[in-house]
C-alpha atoms as a PDB file:
ATOM      1  CA  UNK A   1      95.193 196.062 128.330  1.00  0.00           C
ATOM      2  CA  UNK A   2      97.945 196.494 125.878  1.00  0.00           C
ATOM      3  CA  UNK A   3     100.764 199.054 126.222  1.00  0.00           C
ATOM      4  CA  UNK A   4     101.840 200.923 123.209  1.00  0.00           C
ATOM      5  CA  UNK A   5     105.583 201.158 122.640  1.00  0.00           C
ATOM      6  CA  UNK A   6     106.609 204.560 122.334  1.00  0.00           C
ATOM      7  CA  UNK A   7     107.622 205.511 118.961  1.00  0.00           C
ATOM      8  CA  UNK A   8     111.205 205.233 117.969  1.00  0.00           C
ATOM      9  CA  UNK A   9     113.083 208.540 116.991  1.00  0.00           C
ATOM     10  CA  UNK A  10     114.928 208.381 114.040  1.00  0.00           C
ATOM     11  CA  UNK A  11     117.461 210.709 112.661  1.00  0.00           C
ATOM     12  CA  UNK A  12     116.574 213.069 109.906  1.00  0.00           C
ATOM     13  CA  UNK A  13     117.757 211.807 106.580  1.00  0.00           C
ATOM     14  CA  UNK A  14     120.228 214.483 105.915  1.00  0.00           C
ATOM     15  CA  UNK A  15     121.933 213.747 109.100  1.00  0.00           C
ATOM     16  CA  UNK A  16     122.198 209.964 108.651  1.00  0.00           C
ATOM     17  CA  UNK A  17     123.707 210.793 105.057  1.00  0.00           C
ATOM     18  CA  UNK A  18     126.374 212.876 106.725  1.00  0.00           C
ATOM     19  CA  UNK A  19     127.147 210.278 109.522  1.00  0.00           C
ATOM     20  CA  UNK A  20     127.291 207.745 106.673  1.00  0.00           C
ATOM     21  CA  UNK A  21     129.380 209.671 104.441  1.00  0.00           C
ATOM     22  CA  UNK A  22     131.998 210.473 107.246  1.00  0.00           C
ATOM     23  CA  UNK A  23     132.386 206.920 107.844  1.00  0.00           C
ATOM     24  CA  UNK A  24     132.948 206.140 104.324  1.00  0.00           C
ATOM     25  CA  UNK A  25     135.607 209.101 103.704  1.00  0.00           C
ATOM     26  CA  UNK A  26     137.627 207.705 106.776  1.00  0.00           C
ATOM     27  CA  UNK A  27     137.374 204.054 105.731  1.00  0.00           C
ATOM     28  CA  UNK A  28     138.584 205.438 102.213  1.00  0.00           C
ATOM     29  CA  UNK A  29     141.352 207.509 103.972  1.00  0.00           C
ATOM     30  CA  UNK A  30     142.585 204.580 105.877  1.00  0.00           C
ATOM     31  CA  UNK A  31     142.823 202.373 102.556  1.00  0.00           C
ATOM     32  CA  UNK A  32     144.562 204.811 101.078  1.00  0.00           C
ATOM     33  CA  UNK A  33     147.011 205.209 104.008  1.00  0.00           C
ATOM     34  CA  UNK A  34     147.523 201.475 103.961  1.00  0.00           C
ATOM     35  CA  UNK A  35     148.116 201.255 100.286  1.00  0.00           C
ATOM     36  CA  UNK A  36     150.643 203.966 100.447  1.00  0.00           C
ATOM     37  CA  UNK A  37     152.477 202.198 103.462  1.00  0.00           C
ATOM     38  CA  UNK A  38     152.526 199.034 101.344  1.00  0.00           C
ATOM     39  CA  UNK A  39     153.705 200.867  98.338  1.00  0.00           C
ATOM     40  CA  UNK A  40     156.549 202.084 100.610  1.00  0.00           C
ATOM     41  CA  UNK A  41     157.471 198.827 101.748  1.00  0.00           C
ATOM     42  CA  UNK A  42     157.702 197.164  98.349  1.00  0.00           C
ATOM     43  CA  UNK A  43     159.771 200.139  97.196  1.00  0.00           C
ATOM     44  CA  UNK A  44     162.079 199.642  99.941  1.00  0.00           C
ATOM     45  CA  UNK A  45     162.427 196.093  99.687  1.00  0.00           C
ATOM     46  CA  UNK A  46     162.913 196.364  95.646  1.00  0.00           C
ATOM     47  CA  UNK A  47     165.705 198.866  96.390  1.00  0.00           C
ATOM     48  CA  UNK A  48     167.212 196.763  98.705  1.00  0.00           C
ATOM     49  CA  UNK A  49     167.177 193.964  96.806  1.00  0.00           C
ATOM     50  CA  UNK A  50     168.484 195.647  93.822  1.00  0.00           C
ATOM     51  CA  UNK A  51     171.358 196.947  95.916  1.00  0.00           C
ATOM     52  CA  UNK A  52     172.413 193.467  97.058  1.00  0.00           C
ATOM     53  CA  UNK A  53     172.120 192.375  93.482  1.00  0.00           C
ATOM     54  CA  UNK A  54     174.436 195.108  92.188  1.00  0.00           C
ATOM     55  CA  UNK A  55     176.765 194.580  94.901  1.00  0.00           C
ATOM     56  CA  UNK A  56     176.850 190.704  94.317  1.00  0.00           C
ATOM     57  CA  UNK A  57     177.849 191.698  90.855  1.00  0.00           C
ATOM     58  CA  UNK A  58     180.482 194.099  91.986  1.00  0.00           C
ATOM     59  CA  UNK A  59     181.973 192.471  94.571  1.00  0.00           C
ATOM     60  CA  UNK A  60     185.179 194.527  94.304  1.00  0.00           C
ATOM     61  CA  UNK A  61     183.251 197.539  95.667  1.00  0.00           C
ATOM     62  CA  UNK A  62     182.218 195.817  98.451  1.00  0.00           C
ATOM     63  CA  UNK A  63     185.683 194.739  99.301  1.00  0.00           C
ATOM     64  CA  UNK A  64     187.175 198.334  98.706  1.00  0.00           C
ATOM     65  CA  UNK A  65     184.532 199.855 101.101  1.00  0.00           C
ATOM     66  CA  UNK A  66     185.531 197.168 103.793  1.00  0.00           C
ATOM     67  CA  UNK A  67     188.945 198.032 103.529  1.00  0.00           C
ATOM     68  CA  UNK A  68     188.350 201.862 103.446  1.00  0.00           C
ATOM     69  CA  UNK A  69     186.485 201.264 106.672  1.00  0.00           C
ATOM     70  CA  UNK A  70     188.939 199.228 108.181  1.00  0.00           C
ATOM     71  CA  UNK A  71     191.777 201.786 107.633  1.00  0.00           C
ATOM     72  CA  UNK A  72     189.341 204.611 109.066  1.00  0.00           C
ATOM     73  CA  UNK A  73     188.605 202.636 112.262  1.00  0.00           C
ATOM     74  CA  UNK A  74     192.368 201.629 112.509  1.00  0.00           C
ATOM     75  CA  UNK A  75     193.593 205.529 111.979  1.00  0.00           C
ATOM     76  CA  UNK A  76     190.714 206.392 114.537  1.00  0.00           C
ATOM     77  CA  UNK A  77     192.337 204.141 117.211  1.00  0.00           C
ATOM     78  CA  UNK A  78     195.793 205.446 116.532  1.00  0.00           C
ATOM     79  CA  UNK A  79     194.483 208.939 116.971  1.00  0.00           C
ATOM     80  CA  UNK A  80     192.650 208.315 119.894  1.00  0.00           C
ATOM     81  CA  UNK A  81     195.696 206.607 121.634  1.00  0.00           C
ATOM     82  CA  UNK A  82     197.885 209.326 120.590  1.00  0.00           C
ATOM     83  CA  UNK A  83     195.521 211.853 121.977  1.00  0.00           C
ATOM     84  CA  UNK A  84     195.563 209.876 125.151  1.00  0.00           C
ATOM     85  CA  UNK A  85     199.338 209.734 125.372  1.00  0.00           C
ATOM     86  CA  UNK A  86     199.638 213.224 124.960  1.00  0.00           C
ATOM     87  CA  UNK A  87     197.114 214.260 127.701  1.00  0.00           C
ATOM     88  CA  UNK A  88     199.078 212.049 129.950  1.00  0.00           C
ATOM     89  CA  UNK A  89     202.156 213.385 129.080  1.00  0.00           C
ATOM     90  CA  UNK A  90     200.732 217.203 129.594  1.00  0.00           C
ATOM     91  CA  UNK A  91     199.082 216.191 132.782  1.00  0.00           C
ATOM     92  CA  UNK A  92     202.418 214.481 134.218  1.00  0.00           C
ATOM     93  CA  UNK A  93     204.117 217.913 133.072  1.00  0.00           C
ATOM     94  CA  UNK A  94     201.972 220.433 134.480  1.00  0.00           C
ATOM     95  CA  UNK A  95     203.357 223.010 137.085  1.00  0.00           C
ATOM     96  CA  UNK A  96     201.955 226.128 138.329  1.00  0.00           C
ATOM     97  CA  UNK A  97     203.703 229.178 139.972  1.00  0.00           C
ATOM     98  CA  UNK A  98     202.299 231.037 142.468  1.00  0.00           C
ATOM     99  CA  UNK A  99     201.979 234.026 140.252  1.00  0.00           C
ATOM    100  CA  UNK A 100     200.295 232.334 137.570  1.00  0.00           C
ATOM    101  CA  UNK A 101     197.478 231.018 140.205  1.00  0.00           C
ATOM    102  CA  UNK A 102     197.361 234.677 141.492  1.00  0.00           C
ATOM    103  CA  UNK A 103     196.291 235.787 138.041  1.00  0.00           C
ATOM    104  CA  UNK A 104     193.457 233.694 137.636  1.00  0.00           C
ATOM    105  CA  UNK A 105     189.848 234.093 137.971  1.00  0.00           C
ATOM    106  CA  UNK A 106     188.266 232.210 140.578  1.00  0.00           C
ATOM    107  CA  UNK A 107     186.902 229.809 138.585  1.00  0.00           C
ATOM    108  CA  UNK A 108     190.045 229.266 136.772  1.00  0.00           C
ATOM    109  CA  UNK A 109     191.570 228.360 139.772  1.00  0.00           C
ATOM    110  CA  UNK A 110     189.260 225.628 140.479  1.00  0.00           C
ATOM    111  CA  UNK A 111     190.308 224.277 136.964  1.00  0.00           C
ATOM    112  CA  UNK A 112     193.669 224.500 138.134  1.00  0.00           C
ATOM    113  CA  UNK A 113     193.287 222.377 141.400  1.00  0.00           C
ATOM    114  CA  UNK A 114     191.475 220.140 139.292  1.00  0.00           C
ATOM    115  CA  UNK A 115     194.339 219.816 136.694  1.00  0.00           C
ATOM    116  CA  UNK A 116     196.712 219.219 139.199  1.00  0.00           C
ATOM    117  CA  UNK A 117     194.639 216.389 140.913  1.00  0.00           C
ATOM    118  CA  UNK A 118     194.578 214.805 137.261  1.00  0.00           C
ATOM    119  CA  UNK A 119     198.352 215.324 137.326  1.00  0.00           C
ATOM    120  CA  UNK A 120     199.016 213.273 140.286  1.00  0.00           C
ATOM    121  CA  UNK A 121     196.764 210.383 139.128  1.00  0.00           C
ATOM    122  CA  UNK A 122     192.952 211.348 139.946  1.00  0.00           C
ATOM    123  CA  UNK A 123     191.902 210.501 136.436  1.00  0.00           C
ATOM    124  CA  UNK A 124     188.083 211.411 137.657  1.00  0.00           C
ATOM    125  CA  UNK A 125     189.012 214.790 139.000  1.00  0.00           C
ATOM    126  CA  UNK A 126     186.150 216.847 137.954  1.00  0.00           C
ATOM    127  CA  UNK A 127     185.491 220.682 138.710  1.00  0.00           C
ATOM    128  CA  UNK A 128     181.930 221.054 140.198  1.00  0.00           C
ATOM    129  CA  UNK A 129     182.111 224.551 141.898  1.00  0.00           C
ATOM    130  CA  UNK A 130     179.449 226.976 141.099  1.00  0.00           C
ATOM    131  CA  UNK A 131     176.021 227.884 142.704  1.00  0.00           C
ATOM    132  CA  UNK A 132     174.298 225.399 144.688  1.00  0.00           C
ATOM    133  CA  UNK A 133     177.795 223.320 145.117  1.00  0.00           C
ATOM    134  CA  UNK A 134     177.423 222.936 148.691  1.00  0.00           C
ATOM    135  CA  UNK A 135     180.683 223.834 149.563  1.00  0.00           C
ATOM    136  CA  UNK A 136     182.700 221.667 147.022  1.00  0.00           C
ATOM    137  CA  UNK A 137     184.528 222.782 144.106  1.00  0.00           C
ATOM    138  CA  UNK A 138     186.362 219.870 143.178  1.00  0.00           C
ATOM    139  CA  UNK A 139     186.114 215.856 143.527  1.00  0.00           C
ATOM    140  CA  UNK A 140     188.425 213.385 142.729  1.00  0.00           C
ATOM    141  CA  UNK A 141     189.387 209.678 143.763  1.00  0.00           C
ATOM    142  CA  UNK A 142     192.924 209.176 144.400  1.00  0.00           C
ATOM    143  CA  UNK A 143     194.836 205.922 143.205  1.00  0.00           C
ATOM    144  CA  UNK A 144     194.091 204.458 146.595  1.00  0.00           C
ATOM    145  CA  UNK A 145     190.538 204.831 146.266  1.00  0.00           C
ATOM    146  CA  UNK A 146     190.294 207.700 148.556  1.00  0.00           C
ATOM    147  CA  UNK A 147     187.232 210.364 147.638  1.00  0.00           C
ATOM    148  CA  UNK A 148     188.538 213.961 147.887  1.00  0.00           C
ATOM    149  CA  UNK A 149     186.623 216.740 148.277  1.00  0.00           C
ATOM    150  CA  UNK A 150     188.137 220.024 147.764  1.00  0.00           C
ATOM    151  CA  UNK A 151     187.037 223.823 148.366  1.00  0.00           C
ATOM    152  CA  UNK A 152     188.953 226.611 146.796  1.00  0.00           C
ATOM    153  CA  UNK A 153     189.353 229.951 147.875  1.00  0.00           C
ATOM    154  CA  UNK A 154     191.204 232.273 145.501  1.00  0.00           C
ATOM    155  CA  UNK A 155     192.592 235.751 146.937  1.00  0.00           C
ATOM    156  CA  UNK A 156     193.668 237.861 143.973  1.00  0.00           C
ATOM    157  CA  UNK A 157     196.120 239.533 146.254  1.00  0.00           C
ATOM    158  CA  UNK A 158     197.312 236.219 147.508  1.00  0.00           C
ATOM    159  CA  UNK A 159     199.048 236.469 150.929  1.00  0.00           C
ATOM    160  CA  UNK A 160     197.935 239.992 151.354  1.00  0.00           C
ATOM    161  CA  UNK A 161     194.455 239.211 150.981  1.00  0.00           C
ATOM    162  CA  UNK A 162     191.802 238.668 153.542  1.00  0.00           C
ATOM    163  CA  UNK A 163     192.169 235.645 155.816  1.00  0.00           C
ATOM    164  CA  UNK A 164     189.908 232.508 155.412  1.00  0.00           C
ATOM    165  CA  UNK A 165     187.943 232.062 158.382  1.00  0.00           C
ATOM    166  CA  UNK A 166     186.431 229.300 160.365  1.00  0.00           C
ATOM    167  CA  UNK A 167     182.780 229.955 158.795  1.00  0.00           C
ATOM    168  CA  UNK A 168     184.155 228.642 155.428  1.00  0.00           C
ATOM    169  CA  UNK A 169     185.551 225.730 157.324  1.00  0.00           C
ATOM    170  CA  UNK A 170     182.010 225.144 159.199  1.00  0.00           C
ATOM    171  CA  UNK A 171     180.402 224.758 155.798  1.00  0.00           C
ATOM    172  CA  UNK A 172     183.073 222.414 154.507  1.00  0.00           C
ATOM    173  CA  UNK A 173     182.904 220.469 157.401  1.00  0.00           C
ATOM    174  CA  UNK A 174     178.975 220.002 157.104  1.00  0.00           C
ATOM    175  CA  UNK A 175     178.816 218.778 153.369  1.00  0.00           C
ATOM    176  CA  UNK A 176     182.052 217.277 152.900  1.00  0.00           C
ATOM    177  CA  UNK A 177     181.317 214.077 154.234  1.00  0.00           C
ATOM    178  CA  UNK A 178     177.629 213.918 154.731  1.00  0.00           C
ATOM    179  CA  UNK A 179     176.801 215.148 151.313  1.00  0.00           C
ATOM    180  CA  UNK A 180     179.763 214.415 149.039  1.00  0.00           C
ATOM    181  CA  UNK A 181     181.056 211.245 150.776  1.00  0.00           C
ATOM    182  CA  UNK A 182     184.389 212.504 150.959  1.00  0.00           C
ATOM    183  CA  UNK A 183     187.319 210.899 152.653  1.00  0.00           C
ATOM    184  CA  UNK A 184     189.801 213.703 152.414  1.00  0.00           C
ATOM    185  CA  UNK A 185     188.186 217.181 153.040  1.00  0.00           C
ATOM    186  CA  UNK A 186     190.421 219.924 152.071  1.00  0.00           C
ATOM    187  CA  UNK A 187     190.201 223.783 151.697  1.00  0.00           C
ATOM    188  CA  UNK A 188     192.695 225.173 148.886  1.00  0.00           C
ATOM    189  CA  UNK A 189     193.854 228.802 148.735  1.00  0.00           C
ATOM    190  CA  UNK A 190     196.496 231.012 147.553  1.00  0.00           C
ATOM    191  CA  UNK A 191     196.450 233.273 150.497  1.00  0.00           C
ATOM    192  CA  UNK A 192     196.137 232.538 154.099  1.00  0.00           C
ATOM    193  CA  UNK A 193     194.232 230.866 156.881  1.00  0.00           C
ATOM    194  CA  UNK A 194     193.169 232.698 159.983  1.00  0.00           C
ATOM    195  CA  UNK A 195     194.660 231.828 163.532  1.00  0.00           C
ATOM    196  CA  UNK A 196     191.582 230.001 164.584  1.00  0.00           C
ATOM    197  CA  UNK A 197     191.628 227.596 161.244  1.00  0.00           C
ATOM    198  CA  UNK A 198     194.398 224.989 161.962  1.00  0.00           C
ATOM    199  CA  UNK A 199     192.863 223.775 165.675  1.00  0.00           C
ATOM    200  CA  UNK A 200     189.523 223.640 164.344  1.00  0.00           C
ATOM    201  CA  UNK A 201     190.479 221.858 161.068  1.00  0.00           C
ATOM    202  CA  UNK A 202     192.416 219.417 163.184  1.00  0.00           C
ATOM    203  CA  UNK A 203     189.800 218.686 165.372  1.00  0.00           C
ATOM    204  CA  UNK A 204     187.477 218.016 162.642  1.00  0.00           C
ATOM    205  CA  UNK A 205     189.871 216.100 160.511  1.00  0.00           C
ATOM    206  CA  UNK A 206     189.863 218.467 157.770  1.00  0.00           C
ATOM    207  CA  UNK A 207     193.127 219.601 155.814  1.00  0.00           C
ATOM    208  CA  UNK A 208     194.261 223.148 154.849  1.00  0.00           C
ATOM    209  CA  UNK A 209     196.347 223.914 152.111  1.00  0.00           C
ATOM    210  CA  UNK A 210     197.870 227.553 152.275  1.00  0.00           C
ATOM    211  CA  UNK A 211     199.656 229.783 149.780  1.00  0.00           C
ATOM    212  CA  UNK A 212     203.108 228.025 150.789  1.00  0.00           C
ATOM    213  CA  UNK A 213     202.065 224.315 150.672  1.00  0.00           C
ATOM    214  CA  UNK A 214     199.987 225.373 147.417  1.00  0.00           C
ATOM    215  CA  UNK A 215     203.175 226.693 145.954  1.00  0.00           C
ATOM    216  CA  UNK A 216     205.047 223.407 146.866  1.00  0.00           C
ATOM    217  CA  UNK A 217     202.457 221.147 145.515  1.00  0.00           C
ATOM    218  CA  UNK A 218     201.696 223.534 142.415  1.00  0.00           C
ATOM    219  CA  UNK A 219     205.290 223.774 141.136  1.00  0.00           C
ATOM    220  CA  UNK A 220     206.846 220.464 142.218  1.00  0.00           C
ATOM    221  CA  UNK A 221     206.075 217.077 141.275  1.00  0.00           C
ATOM    222  CA  UNK A 222     204.927 214.994 144.562  1.00  0.00           C
ATOM    223  CA  UNK A 223     201.117 214.334 144.726  1.00  0.00           C
ATOM    224  CA  UNK A 224     199.190 216.270 147.617  1.00  0.00           C
ATOM    225  CA  UNK A 225     198.288 213.107 149.692  1.00  0.00           C
ATOM    226  CA  UNK A 226     202.291 212.871 150.033  1.00  0.00           C
ATOM    227  CA  UNK A 227     202.269 216.370 151.178  1.00  0.00           C
ATOM    228  CA  UNK A 228     199.593 216.441 153.576  1.00  0.00           C
ATOM    229  CA  UNK A 229     199.468 214.636 157.065  1.00  0.00           C
ATOM    230  CA  UNK A 230     197.167 212.375 158.986  1.00  0.00           C
ATOM    231  CA  UNK A 231     195.392 211.166 155.780  1.00  0.00           C
ATOM    232  CA  UNK A 232     192.790 208.302 156.230  1.00  0.00           C
ATOM    233  CA  UNK A 233     193.946 204.870 155.689  1.00  0.00           C
ATOM    234  CA  UNK A 234     193.643 203.537 151.671  1.00  0.00           C
ATOM    235  CA  UNK A 235     190.487 202.167 150.538  1.00  0.00           C
ATOM    236  CA  UNK A 236     192.723 200.298 147.647  1.00  0.00           C
ATOM    237  CA  UNK A 237     195.542 198.863 149.535  1.00  0.00           C
ATOM    238  CA  UNK A 238     196.707 197.088 146.041  1.00  0.00           C
ATOM    239  CA  UNK A 239     195.746 200.041 143.591  1.00  0.00           C
ATOM    240  CA  UNK A 240     199.555 200.914 142.936  1.00  0.00           C
ATOM    241  CA  UNK A 241     200.921 197.200 142.879  1.00  0.00           C
END
C-alpha cells in the first residue's frame, strides 16, 4: 500500500514577494555602502598622493615646517625644564609659620604637610585624605626609600584646642602598615596630644609631631626624618650617594 506524502505548504505569493523584495533591497544597500566606502578610500588616496606631489614640488615648505616643529619642540623642552627648576626652588624655600598653619582649613593643612614632605625630597608626596582614607592623609617616599604614612589633625585653636587622644592613634596603628604599607607612621597636629599618647605611640612604633615639633619642622630647613627619633633603617642605603 503506497503512502501519500503530505502536501507541501507554500507561502502565499504576496508574502514570498515581500521576502524577496526585502532581500533585494538589503543587497542593494550593501552594494551602495560598499561603493561609498570605495569612493572614500579612492578620494583619500588621491588627496594623499596630491599632497605628496605638491610637497615634492615645494620642498621649502616641508623644510620650513620641520624647522618650525623643531623650534616649537625645543621651546617646549626649555619651558618644561625652567618650570621644573622653579618648582624645585619654590619647594626648597618653603617655610610655614605656626600662625599660617593655624589659619588653614583642615584640608589645606593636609596639603601643607604634603608640600613640606616634597620640600624635604619626597617627590612622590601626595595628599590622599578624604572620605574613606583609612587613617592616611599624606603618603610619601623619602630619599632613603622609606614609605611614610601621615595622618593630619588640625586644630583651629592650636595648642588651646582639644587634645588628640589615643583613639586616633588606634585607627592609624591599625591601617598605617597593614593597609598602606608604611614604614614610618606619623600623626601630625598643630595642637597637642593627651598624656596617654606618647607611651602608646612608643609601644606601637608610631611617631607624634605636636605643635612644637611642627613649628621646628615647618619653619626650618631640616627634613622630618632628621628631627624624629627611632626611625626604621633605610630601604635604599645608597640613595643619597
